[in-house]
Amino acid sequence: MYDKTTPVRKYGQHEKDTGSSRVQVALLTERINSLTEHFRVHAKDFHGQRGLLRMVHRRRRLLEYLKRTDLAKYRQLIDELGLRH
């Protein structure tokens, strides 16, 4: 299971900020990482893989938006999350 509160505290503008792009990307990254572990055990979970691909696509779109609107925060976020884009 993944932890929702840590990314919100770390990347949010306030304690209950779940809507900003940075928080959404961090939360999606947590979910993607936990699902990646799930697929190491359950390789034939094809319906779950489809959901994973949707999450990856949503994260990519959010990152593109963040890059377009605030390049400094985008670079900081991908460095902290260990993403390549």
PDB file of N, CA and C in Angstrom:
ATOM      1  N   MET A   1       0.835  -1.182   0.000  1.00  0.00           N
ATOM      2  CA  MET A   1       0.000   0.000   0.000  1.00  0.00           C
ATOM      3  C   MET A   1       0.880   1.245   0.000  1.00  0.00           C
ATOM      4  N   TYR A   2       0.375   2.305  -0.515  1.00  0.00           N
ATOM      5  CA  TYR A   2       1.140   3.538  -0.612  1.00  0.00           C
ATOM      6  C   TYR A   2       0.638   4.554   0.405  1.00  0.00           C
ATOM      7  N   ASP A   3       1.486   5.521   0.702  1.00  0.00           N
ATOM      8  CA  ASP A   3       1.178   6.532   1.714  1.00  0.00           C
ATOM      9  C   ASP A   3       0.769   7.829   1.024  1.00  0.00           C
ATOM     10  N   LYS A   4      -0.442   8.311   1.302  1.00  0.00           N
ATOM     11  CA  LYS A   4      -0.931   9.534   0.668  1.00  0.00           C
ATOM     12  C   LYS A   4      -0.481  10.794   1.384  1.00  0.00           C
ATOM     13  N   THR A   5      -0.276  10.711   2.680  1.00  0.00           N
ATOM     14  CA  THR A   5      -0.046  11.938   3.440  1.00  0.00           C
ATOM     15  C   THR A   5       1.352  12.510   3.231  1.00  0.00           C
ATOM     16  N   THR A   6       2.342  11.669   3.051  1.00  0.00           N
ATOM     17  CA  THR A   6       3.712  12.169   2.898  1.00  0.00           C
ATOM     18  C   THR A   6       3.880  13.044   1.655  1.00  0.00           C
ATOM     19  N   PRO A   7       3.441  12.614   0.459  1.00  0.00           N
ATOM     20  CA  PRO A   7       3.580  13.505  -0.703  1.00  0.00           C
ATOM     21  C   PRO A   7       2.788  14.798  -0.568  1.00  0.00           C
ATOM     22  N   VAL A   8       1.621  14.723   0.075  1.00  0.00           N
ATOM     23  CA  VAL A   8       0.817  15.941   0.237  1.00  0.00           C
ATOM     24  C   VAL A   8       1.558  16.924   1.128  1.00  0.00           C
ATOM     25  N   ARG A   9       2.129  16.438   2.221  1.00  0.00           N
ATOM     26  CA  ARG A   9       2.882  17.331   3.108  1.00  0.00           C
ATOM     27  C   ARG A   9       4.133  17.871   2.428  1.00  0.00           C
ATOM     28  N   LYS A  10       4.802  17.029   1.648  1.00  0.00           N
ATOM     29  CA  LYS A  10       6.080  17.429   1.061  1.00  0.00           C
ATOM     30  C   LYS A  10       5.914  18.383  -0.123  1.00  0.00           C
ATOM     31  N   TYR A  11       4.941  18.119  -0.990  1.00  0.00           N
ATOM     32  CA  TYR A  11       4.817  18.895  -2.224  1.00  0.00           C
ATOM     33  C   TYR A  11       3.626  19.848  -2.243  1.00  0.00           C
ATOM     34  N   GLY A  12       2.717  19.739  -1.290  1.00  0.00           N
ATOM     35  CA  GLY A  12       1.538  20.592  -1.282  1.00  0.00           C
ATOM     36  C   GLY A  12       1.828  21.981  -0.755  1.00  0.00           C
ATOM     37  N   GLN A  13       0.947  22.903  -1.099  1.00  0.00           N
ATOM     38  CA  GLN A  13       1.087  24.270  -0.621  1.00  0.00           C
ATOM     39  C   GLN A  13       0.533  24.413   0.787  1.00  0.00           C
ATOM     40  N   HIS A  14      -0.386  23.518   1.161  1.00  0.00           N
ATOM     41  CA  HIS A  14      -0.915  23.467   2.522  1.00  0.00           C
ATOM     42  C   HIS A  14      -1.249  22.016   2.838  1.00  0.00           C
ATOM     43  N   GLU A  15      -1.713  21.764   4.042  1.00  0.00           N
ATOM     44  CA  GLU A  15      -1.889  20.393   4.540  1.00  0.00           C
ATOM     45  C   GLU A  15      -2.894  19.565   3.741  1.00  0.00           C
ATOM     46  N   LYS A  16      -3.929  20.194   3.222  1.00  0.00           N
ATOM     47  CA  LYS A  16      -4.975  19.456   2.513  1.00  0.00           C
ATOM     48  C   LYS A  16      -4.930  19.677   1.007  1.00  0.00           C
ATOM     49  N   ASP A  17      -3.801  20.077   0.491  1.00  0.00           N
ATOM     50  CA  ASP A  17      -3.642  20.346  -0.933  1.00  0.00           C
ATOM     51  C   ASP A  17      -3.432  19.030  -1.679  1.00  0.00           C
ATOM     52  N   THR A  18      -4.501  18.548  -2.316  1.00  0.00           N
ATOM     53  CA  THR A  18      -4.375  17.335  -3.117  1.00  0.00           C
ATOM     54  C   THR A  18      -4.591  17.615  -4.593  1.00  0.00           C
ATOM     55  N   GLY A  19      -4.864  18.855  -4.949  1.00  0.00           N
ATOM     56  CA  GLY A  19      -5.204  19.175  -6.323  1.00  0.00           C
ATOM     57  C   GLY A  19      -4.090  19.771  -7.145  1.00  0.00           C
ATOM     58  N   SER A  20      -3.035  20.257  -6.517  1.00  0.00           N
ATOM     59  CA  SER A  20      -1.974  20.881  -7.300  1.00  0.00           C
ATOM     60  C   SER A  20      -1.234  19.825  -8.114  1.00  0.00           C
ATOM     61  N   SER A  21      -0.667  20.253  -9.212  1.00  0.00           N
ATOM     62  CA  SER A  21      -0.014  19.330 -10.138  1.00  0.00           C
ATOM     63  C   SER A  21       1.120  18.569  -9.478  1.00  0.00           C
ATOM     64  N   ARG A  22       1.902  19.260  -8.665  1.00  0.00           N
ATOM     65  CA  ARG A  22       3.040  18.597  -8.017  1.00  0.00           C
ATOM     66  C   ARG A  22       2.571  17.465  -7.105  1.00  0.00           C
ATOM     67  N   VAL A  23       1.517  17.707  -6.344  1.00  0.00           N
ATOM     68  CA  VAL A  23       0.998  16.678  -5.435  1.00  0.00           C
ATOM     69  C   VAL A  23       0.407  15.521  -6.229  1.00  0.00           C
ATOM     70  N   GLN A  24      -0.330  15.830  -7.286  1.00  0.00           N
ATOM     71  CA  GLN A  24      -0.920  14.767  -8.094  1.00  0.00           C
ATOM     72  C   GLN A  24       0.150  13.884  -8.715  1.00  0.00           C
ATOM     73  N   VAL A  25       1.226  14.485  -9.211  1.00  0.00           N
ATOM     74  CA  VAL A  25       2.321  13.701  -9.790  1.00  0.00           C
ATOM     75  C   VAL A  25       2.968  12.832  -8.718  1.00  0.00           C
ATOM     76  N   ALA A  26       3.188  13.389  -7.536  1.00  0.00           N
ATOM     77  CA  ALA A  26       3.811  12.620  -6.457  1.00  0.00           C
ATOM     78  C   ALA A  26       2.916  11.463  -6.021  1.00  0.00           C
ATOM     79  N   LEU A  27       1.613  11.701  -5.911  1.00  0.00           N
ATOM     80  CA  LEU A  27       0.688  10.629  -5.529  1.00  0.00           C
ATOM     81  C   LEU A  27       0.620   9.541  -6.598  1.00  0.00           C
ATOM     82  N   LEU A  28       0.579   9.952  -7.857  1.00  0.00           N
ATOM     83  CA  LEU A  28       0.567   8.961  -8.932  1.00  0.00           C
ATOM     84  C   LEU A  28       1.856   8.150  -8.942  1.00  0.00           C
ATOM     85  N   THR A  29       2.975   8.796  -8.652  1.00  0.00           N
ATOM     86  CA  THR A  29       4.245   8.080  -8.608  1.00  0.00           C
ATOM     87  C   THR A  29       4.237   7.041  -7.498  1.00  0.00           C
ATOM     88  N   GLU A  30       3.681   7.392  -6.340  1.00  0.00           N
ATOM     89  CA  GLU A  30       3.571   6.423  -5.240  1.00  0.00           C
ATOM     90  C   GLU A  30       2.718   5.232  -5.658  1.00  0.00           C
ATOM     91  N   ARG A  31       1.581   5.502  -6.291  1.00  0.00           N
ATOM     92  CA  ARG A  31       0.699   4.407  -6.722  1.00  0.00           C
ATOM     93  C   ARG A  31       1.358   3.555  -7.792  1.00  0.00           C
ATOM     94  N   ILE A  32       2.046   4.191  -8.734  1.00  0.00           N
ATOM     95  CA  ILE A  32       2.717   3.455  -9.808  1.00  0.00           C
ATOM     96  C   ILE A  32       3.799   2.557  -9.231  1.00  0.00           C
ATOM     97  N   ASN A  33       4.554   3.071  -8.280  1.00  0.00           N
ATOM     98  CA  ASN A  33       5.608   2.260  -7.664  1.00  0.00           C
ATOM     99  C   ASN A  33       5.026   1.073  -6.909  1.00  0.00           C
ATOM    100  N   SER A  34       3.915   1.277  -6.207  1.00  0.00           N
ATOM    101  CA  SER A  34       3.324   0.155  -5.468  1.00  0.00           C
ATOM    102  C   SER A  34       2.736  -0.877  -6.433  1.00  0.00           C
ATOM    103  N   LEU A  35       2.150  -0.423  -7.539  1.00  0.00           N
ATOM    104  CA  LEU A  35       1.618  -1.367  -8.521  1.00  0.00           C
ATOM    105  C   LEU A  35       2.723  -2.117  -9.246  1.00  0.00           C
ATOM    106  N   THR A  36       3.855  -1.484  -9.435  1.00  0.00           N
ATOM    107  CA  THR A  36       4.984  -2.163 -10.067  1.00  0.00           C
ATOM    108  C   THR A  36       5.414  -3.355  -9.226  1.00  0.00           C
ATOM    109  N   GLU A  37       5.424  -3.173  -7.922  1.00  0.00           N
ATOM    110  CA  GLU A  37       5.730  -4.296  -7.026  1.00  0.00           C
ATOM    111  C   GLU A  37       4.658  -5.380  -7.150  1.00  0.00           C
ATOM    112  N   HIS A  38       3.407  -4.989  -7.265  1.00  0.00           N
ATOM    113  CA  HIS A  38       2.308  -5.947  -7.408  1.00  0.00           C
ATOM    114  C   HIS A  38       2.503  -6.801  -8.663  1.00  0.00           C
ATOM    115  N   PHE A  39       2.931  -6.180  -9.759  1.00  0.00           N
ATOM    116  CA  PHE A  39       3.067  -6.912 -11.018  1.00  0.00           C
ATOM    117  C   PHE A  39       4.291  -7.816 -11.052  1.00  0.00           C
ATOM    118  N   ARG A  40       5.217  -7.623 -10.153  1.00  0.00           N
ATOM    119  CA  ARG A  40       6.328  -8.568 -10.062  1.00  0.00           C
ATOM    120  C   ARG A  40       5.829  -9.925  -9.572  1.00  0.00           C
ATOM    121  N   VAL A  41       4.802  -9.899  -8.740  1.00  0.00           N
ATOM    122  CA  VAL A  41       4.222 -11.142  -8.217  1.00  0.00           C
ATOM    123  C   VAL A  41       3.110 -11.651  -9.135  1.00  0.00           C
ATOM    124  N   HIS A  42       2.263 -10.740  -9.615  1.00  0.00           N
ATOM    125  CA  HIS A  42       1.088 -11.107 -10.411  1.00  0.00           C
ATOM    126  C   HIS A  42       1.282 -10.633 -11.852  1.00  0.00           C
ATOM    127  N   ALA A  43       2.102 -11.344 -12.588  1.00  0.00           N
ATOM    128  CA  ALA A  43       2.471 -10.913 -13.937  1.00  0.00           C
ATOM    129  C   ALA A  43       1.306 -10.977 -14.919  1.00  0.00           C
ATOM    130  N   LYS A  44       0.302 -11.795 -14.656  1.00  0.00           N
ATOM    131  CA  LYS A  44      -0.796 -11.955 -15.611  1.00  0.00           C
ATOM    132  C   LYS A  44      -2.024 -11.112 -15.269  1.00  0.00           C
ATOM    133  N   ASP A  45      -1.882 -10.148 -14.422  1.00  0.00           N
ATOM    134  CA  ASP A  45      -2.979  -9.249 -14.068  1.00  0.00           C
ATOM    135  C   ASP A  45      -3.096  -8.171 -15.151  1.00  0.00           C
ATOM    136  N   PHE A  46      -3.733  -8.535 -16.252  1.00  0.00           N
ATOM    137  CA  PHE A  46      -3.773  -7.646 -17.407  1.00  0.00           C
ATOM    138  C   PHE A  46      -4.711  -6.459 -17.200  1.00  0.00           C
ATOM    139  N   HIS A  47      -5.783  -6.641 -16.449  1.00  0.00           N
ATOM    140  CA  HIS A  47      -6.671  -5.518 -16.169  1.00  0.00           C
ATOM    141  C   HIS A  47      -5.958  -4.485 -15.299  1.00  0.00           C
ATOM    142  N   GLY A  48      -5.172  -4.947 -14.375  1.00  0.00           N
ATOM    143  CA  GLY A  48      -4.388  -4.042 -13.541  1.00  0.00           C
ATOM    144  C   GLY A  48      -3.323  -3.312 -14.339  1.00  0.00           C
ATOM    145  N   GLN A  49      -2.757  -4.002 -15.317  1.00  0.00           N
ATOM    146  CA  GLN A  49      -1.742  -3.363 -16.156  1.00  0.00           C
ATOM    147  C   GLN A  49      -2.346  -2.220 -16.963  1.00  0.00           C
ATOM    148  N   ARG A  50      -3.595  -2.396 -17.380  1.00  0.00           N
ATOM    149  CA  ARG A  50      -4.261  -1.323 -18.113  1.00  0.00           C
ATOM    150  C   ARG A  50      -4.437  -0.096 -17.221  1.00  0.00           C
ATOM    151  N   GLY A  51      -4.814  -0.334 -15.968  1.00  0.00           N
ATOM    152  CA  GLY A  51      -4.937   0.774 -15.028  1.00  0.00           C
ATOM    153  C   GLY A  51      -3.603   1.453 -14.782  1.00  0.00           C
ATOM    154  N   LEU A  52      -2.546   0.651 -14.723  1.00  0.00           N
ATOM    155  CA  LEU A  52      -1.201   1.208 -14.540  1.00  0.00           C
ATOM    156  C   LEU A  52      -0.827   2.103 -15.717  1.00  0.00           C
ATOM    157  N   LEU A  53      -1.110   1.653 -16.929  1.00  0.00           N
ATOM    158  CA  LEU A  53      -0.798   2.463 -18.108  1.00  0.00           C
ATOM    159  C   LEU A  53      -1.579   3.776 -18.105  1.00  0.00           C
ATOM    160  N   ARG A  54      -2.830   3.739 -17.637  1.00  0.00           N
ATOM    161  CA  ARG A  54      -3.613   4.975 -17.541  1.00  0.00           C
ATOM    162  C   ARG A  54      -2.984   5.940 -16.544  1.00  0.00           C
ATOM    163  N   MET A  55      -2.498   5.402 -15.415  1.00  0.00           N
ATOM    164  CA  MET A  55      -1.852   6.254 -14.414  1.00  0.00           C
ATOM    165  C   MET A  55      -0.565   6.867 -14.956  1.00  0.00           C
ATOM    166  N   VAL A  56       0.216   6.067 -15.678  1.00  0.00           N
ATOM    167  CA  VAL A  56       1.464   6.571 -16.256  1.00  0.00           C
ATOM    168  C   VAL A  56       1.158   7.676 -17.260  1.00  0.00           C
ATOM    169  N   HIS A  57       0.121   7.471 -18.066  1.00  0.00           N
ATOM    170  CA  HIS A  57      -0.251   8.486 -19.049  1.00  0.00           C
ATOM    171  C   HIS A  57      -0.729   9.769 -18.368  1.00  0.00           C
ATOM    172  N   ARG A  58      -1.531   9.630 -17.319  1.00  0.00           N
ATOM    173  CA  ARG A  58      -2.005  10.812 -16.590  1.00  0.00           C
ATOM    174  C   ARG A  58      -0.836  11.565 -15.974  1.00  0.00           C
ATOM    175  N   ARG A  59       0.123  10.820 -15.401  1.00  0.00           N
ATOM    176  CA  ARG A  59       1.296  11.462 -14.804  1.00  0.00           C
ATOM    177  C   ARG A  59       2.103  12.190 -15.877  1.00  0.00           C
ATOM    178  N   ARG A  60       2.243  11.577 -17.052  1.00  0.00           N
ATOM    179  CA  ARG A  60       2.991  12.214 -18.133  1.00  0.00           C
ATOM    180  C   ARG A  60       2.337  13.525 -18.557  1.00  0.00           C
ATOM    181  N   ARG A  61       1.001  13.526 -18.661  1.00  0.00           N
ATOM    182  CA  ARG A  61       0.297  14.757 -19.036  1.00  0.00           C
ATOM    183  C   ARG A  61       0.448  15.832 -17.972  1.00  0.00           C
ATOM    184  N   LEU A  62       0.365  15.457 -16.703  1.00  0.00           N
ATOM    185  CA  LEU A  62       0.552  16.428 -15.624  1.00  0.00           C
ATOM    186  C   LEU A  62       1.969  16.987 -15.637  1.00  0.00           C
ATOM    187  N   LEU A  63       2.945  16.131 -15.912  1.00  0.00           N
ATOM    188  CA  LEU A  63       4.328  16.610 -15.977  1.00  0.00           C
ATOM    189  C   LEU A  63       4.526  17.567 -17.149  1.00  0.00           C
ATOM    190  N   GLU A  64       3.886  17.279 -18.281  1.00  0.00           N
ATOM    191  CA  GLU A  64       3.980  18.193 -19.421  1.00  0.00           C
ATOM    192  C   GLU A  64       3.367  19.546 -19.078  1.00  0.00           C
ATOM    193  N   TYR A  65       2.239  19.534 -18.381  1.00  0.00           N
ATOM    194  CA  TYR A  65       1.607  20.781 -17.956  1.00  0.00           C
ATOM    195  C   TYR A  65       2.512  21.548 -17.002  1.00  0.00           C
ATOM    196  N   LEU A  66       3.086  20.844 -16.039  1.00  0.00           N
ATOM    197  CA  LEU A  66       3.961  21.491 -15.063  1.00  0.00           C
ATOM    198  C   LEU A  66       5.200  22.065 -15.747  1.00  0.00           C
ATOM    199  N   LYS A  67       5.733  21.343 -16.710  1.00  0.00           N
ATOM    200  CA  LYS A  67       6.909  21.819 -17.448  1.00  0.00           C
ATOM    201  C   LYS A  67       6.576  23.097 -18.220  1.00  0.00           C
ATOM    202  N   ARG A  68       5.381  23.135 -18.778  1.00  0.00           N
ATOM    203  CA  ARG A  68       4.968  24.297 -19.560  1.00  0.00           C
ATOM    204  C   ARG A  68       4.713  25.515 -18.677  1.00  0.00           C
ATOM    205  N   THR A  69       4.198  25.304 -17.463  1.00  0.00           N
ATOM    206  CA  THR A  69       3.801  26.428 -16.625  1.00  0.00           C
ATOM    207  C   THR A  69       4.875  26.866 -15.636  1.00  0.00           C
ATOM    208  N   ASP A  70       5.651  25.924 -15.090  1.00  0.00           N
ATOM    209  CA  ASP A  70       6.656  26.273 -14.082  1.00  0.00           C
ATOM    210  C   ASP A  70       7.844  25.323 -14.202  1.00  0.00           C
ATOM    211  N   LEU A  71       8.799  25.701 -15.027  1.00  0.00           N
ATOM    212  CA  LEU A  71       9.925  24.830 -15.353  1.00  0.00           C
ATOM    213  C   LEU A  71      10.793  24.522 -14.138  1.00  0.00           C
ATOM    214  N   ALA A  72      10.978  25.484 -13.250  1.00  0.00           N
ATOM    215  CA  ALA A  72      11.830  25.260 -12.075  1.00  0.00           C
ATOM    216  C   ALA A  72      11.222  24.207 -11.148  1.00  0.00           C
ATOM    217  N   LYS A  73       9.924  24.300 -10.888  1.00  0.00           N
ATOM    218  CA  LYS A  73       9.264  23.309 -10.033  1.00  0.00           C
ATOM    219  C   LYS A  73       9.233  21.940 -10.709  1.00  0.00           C
ATOM    220  N   TYR A  74       9.094  21.930 -12.031  1.00  0.00           N
ATOM    221  CA  TYR A  74       9.116  20.674 -12.785  1.00  0.00           C
ATOM    222  C   TYR A  74      10.456  19.966 -12.605  1.00  0.00           C
ATOM    223  N   ARG A  75      11.536  20.701 -12.807  1.00  0.00           N
ATOM    224  CA  ARG A  75      12.872  20.096 -12.678  1.00  0.00           C
ATOM    225  C   ARG A  75      13.136  19.617 -11.260  1.00  0.00           C
ATOM    226  N   GLN A  76      12.728  20.402 -10.278  1.00  0.00           N
ATOM    227  CA  GLN A  76      12.911  20.008  -8.880  1.00  0.00           C
ATOM    228  C   GLN A  76      12.124  18.737  -8.578  1.00  0.00           C
ATOM    229  N   LEU A  77      10.903  18.658  -9.072  1.00  0.00           N
ATOM    230  CA  LEU A  77      10.046  17.505  -8.800  1.00  0.00           C
ATOM    231  C   LEU A  77      10.600  16.228  -9.426  1.00  0.00           C
ATOM    232  N   ILE A  78      11.022  16.280 -10.682  1.00  0.00           N
ATOM    233  CA  ILE A  78      11.520  15.052 -11.301  1.00  0.00           C
ATOM    234  C   ILE A  78      12.834  14.610 -10.672  1.00  0.00           C
ATOM    235  N   ASP A  79      13.630  15.565 -10.194  1.00  0.00           N
ATOM    236  CA  ASP A  79      14.852  15.180  -9.484  1.00  0.00           C
ATOM    237  C   ASP A  79      14.527  14.500  -8.160  1.00  0.00           C
ATOM    238  N   GLU A  80      13.577  15.050  -7.414  1.00  0.00           N
ATOM    239  CA  GLU A  80      13.233  14.488  -6.109  1.00  0.00           C
ATOM    240  C   GLU A  80      12.537  13.136  -6.226  1.00  0.00           C
ATOM    241  N   LEU A  81      11.729  12.961  -7.271  1.00  0.00           N
ATOM    242  CA  LEU A  81      11.015  11.696  -7.440  1.00  0.00           C
ATOM    243  C   LEU A  81      11.847  10.655  -8.189  1.00  0.00           C
ATOM    244  N   GLY A  82      12.942  11.093  -8.772  1.00  0.00           N
ATOM    245  CA  GLY A  82      13.795  10.160  -9.504  1.00  0.00           C
ATOM    246  C   GLY A  82      13.209   9.747 -10.843  1.00  0.00           C
ATOM    247  N   LEU A  83      12.501  10.665 -11.489  1.00  0.00           N
ATOM    248  CA  LEU A  83      11.895  10.375 -12.784  1.00  0.00           C
ATOM    249  C   LEU A  83      12.786  10.885 -13.896  1.00  0.00           C
ATOM    250  N   ARG A  84      12.644  10.289 -15.050  1.00  0.00           N
ATOM    251  CA  ARG A  84      13.322  10.825 -16.228  1.00  0.00           C
ATOM    252  C   ARG A  84      12.235  11.219 -17.200  1.00  0.00           C
ATOM    253  N   HIS A  85      12.382  12.378 -17.792  1.00  0.00           N
ATOM    254  CA  HIS A  85      11.327  12.849 -18.689  1.00  0.00           C
ATOM    255  C   HIS A  85      11.919  13.749 -19.730  1.00  0.00           C
TER     256      HIS A  85
END
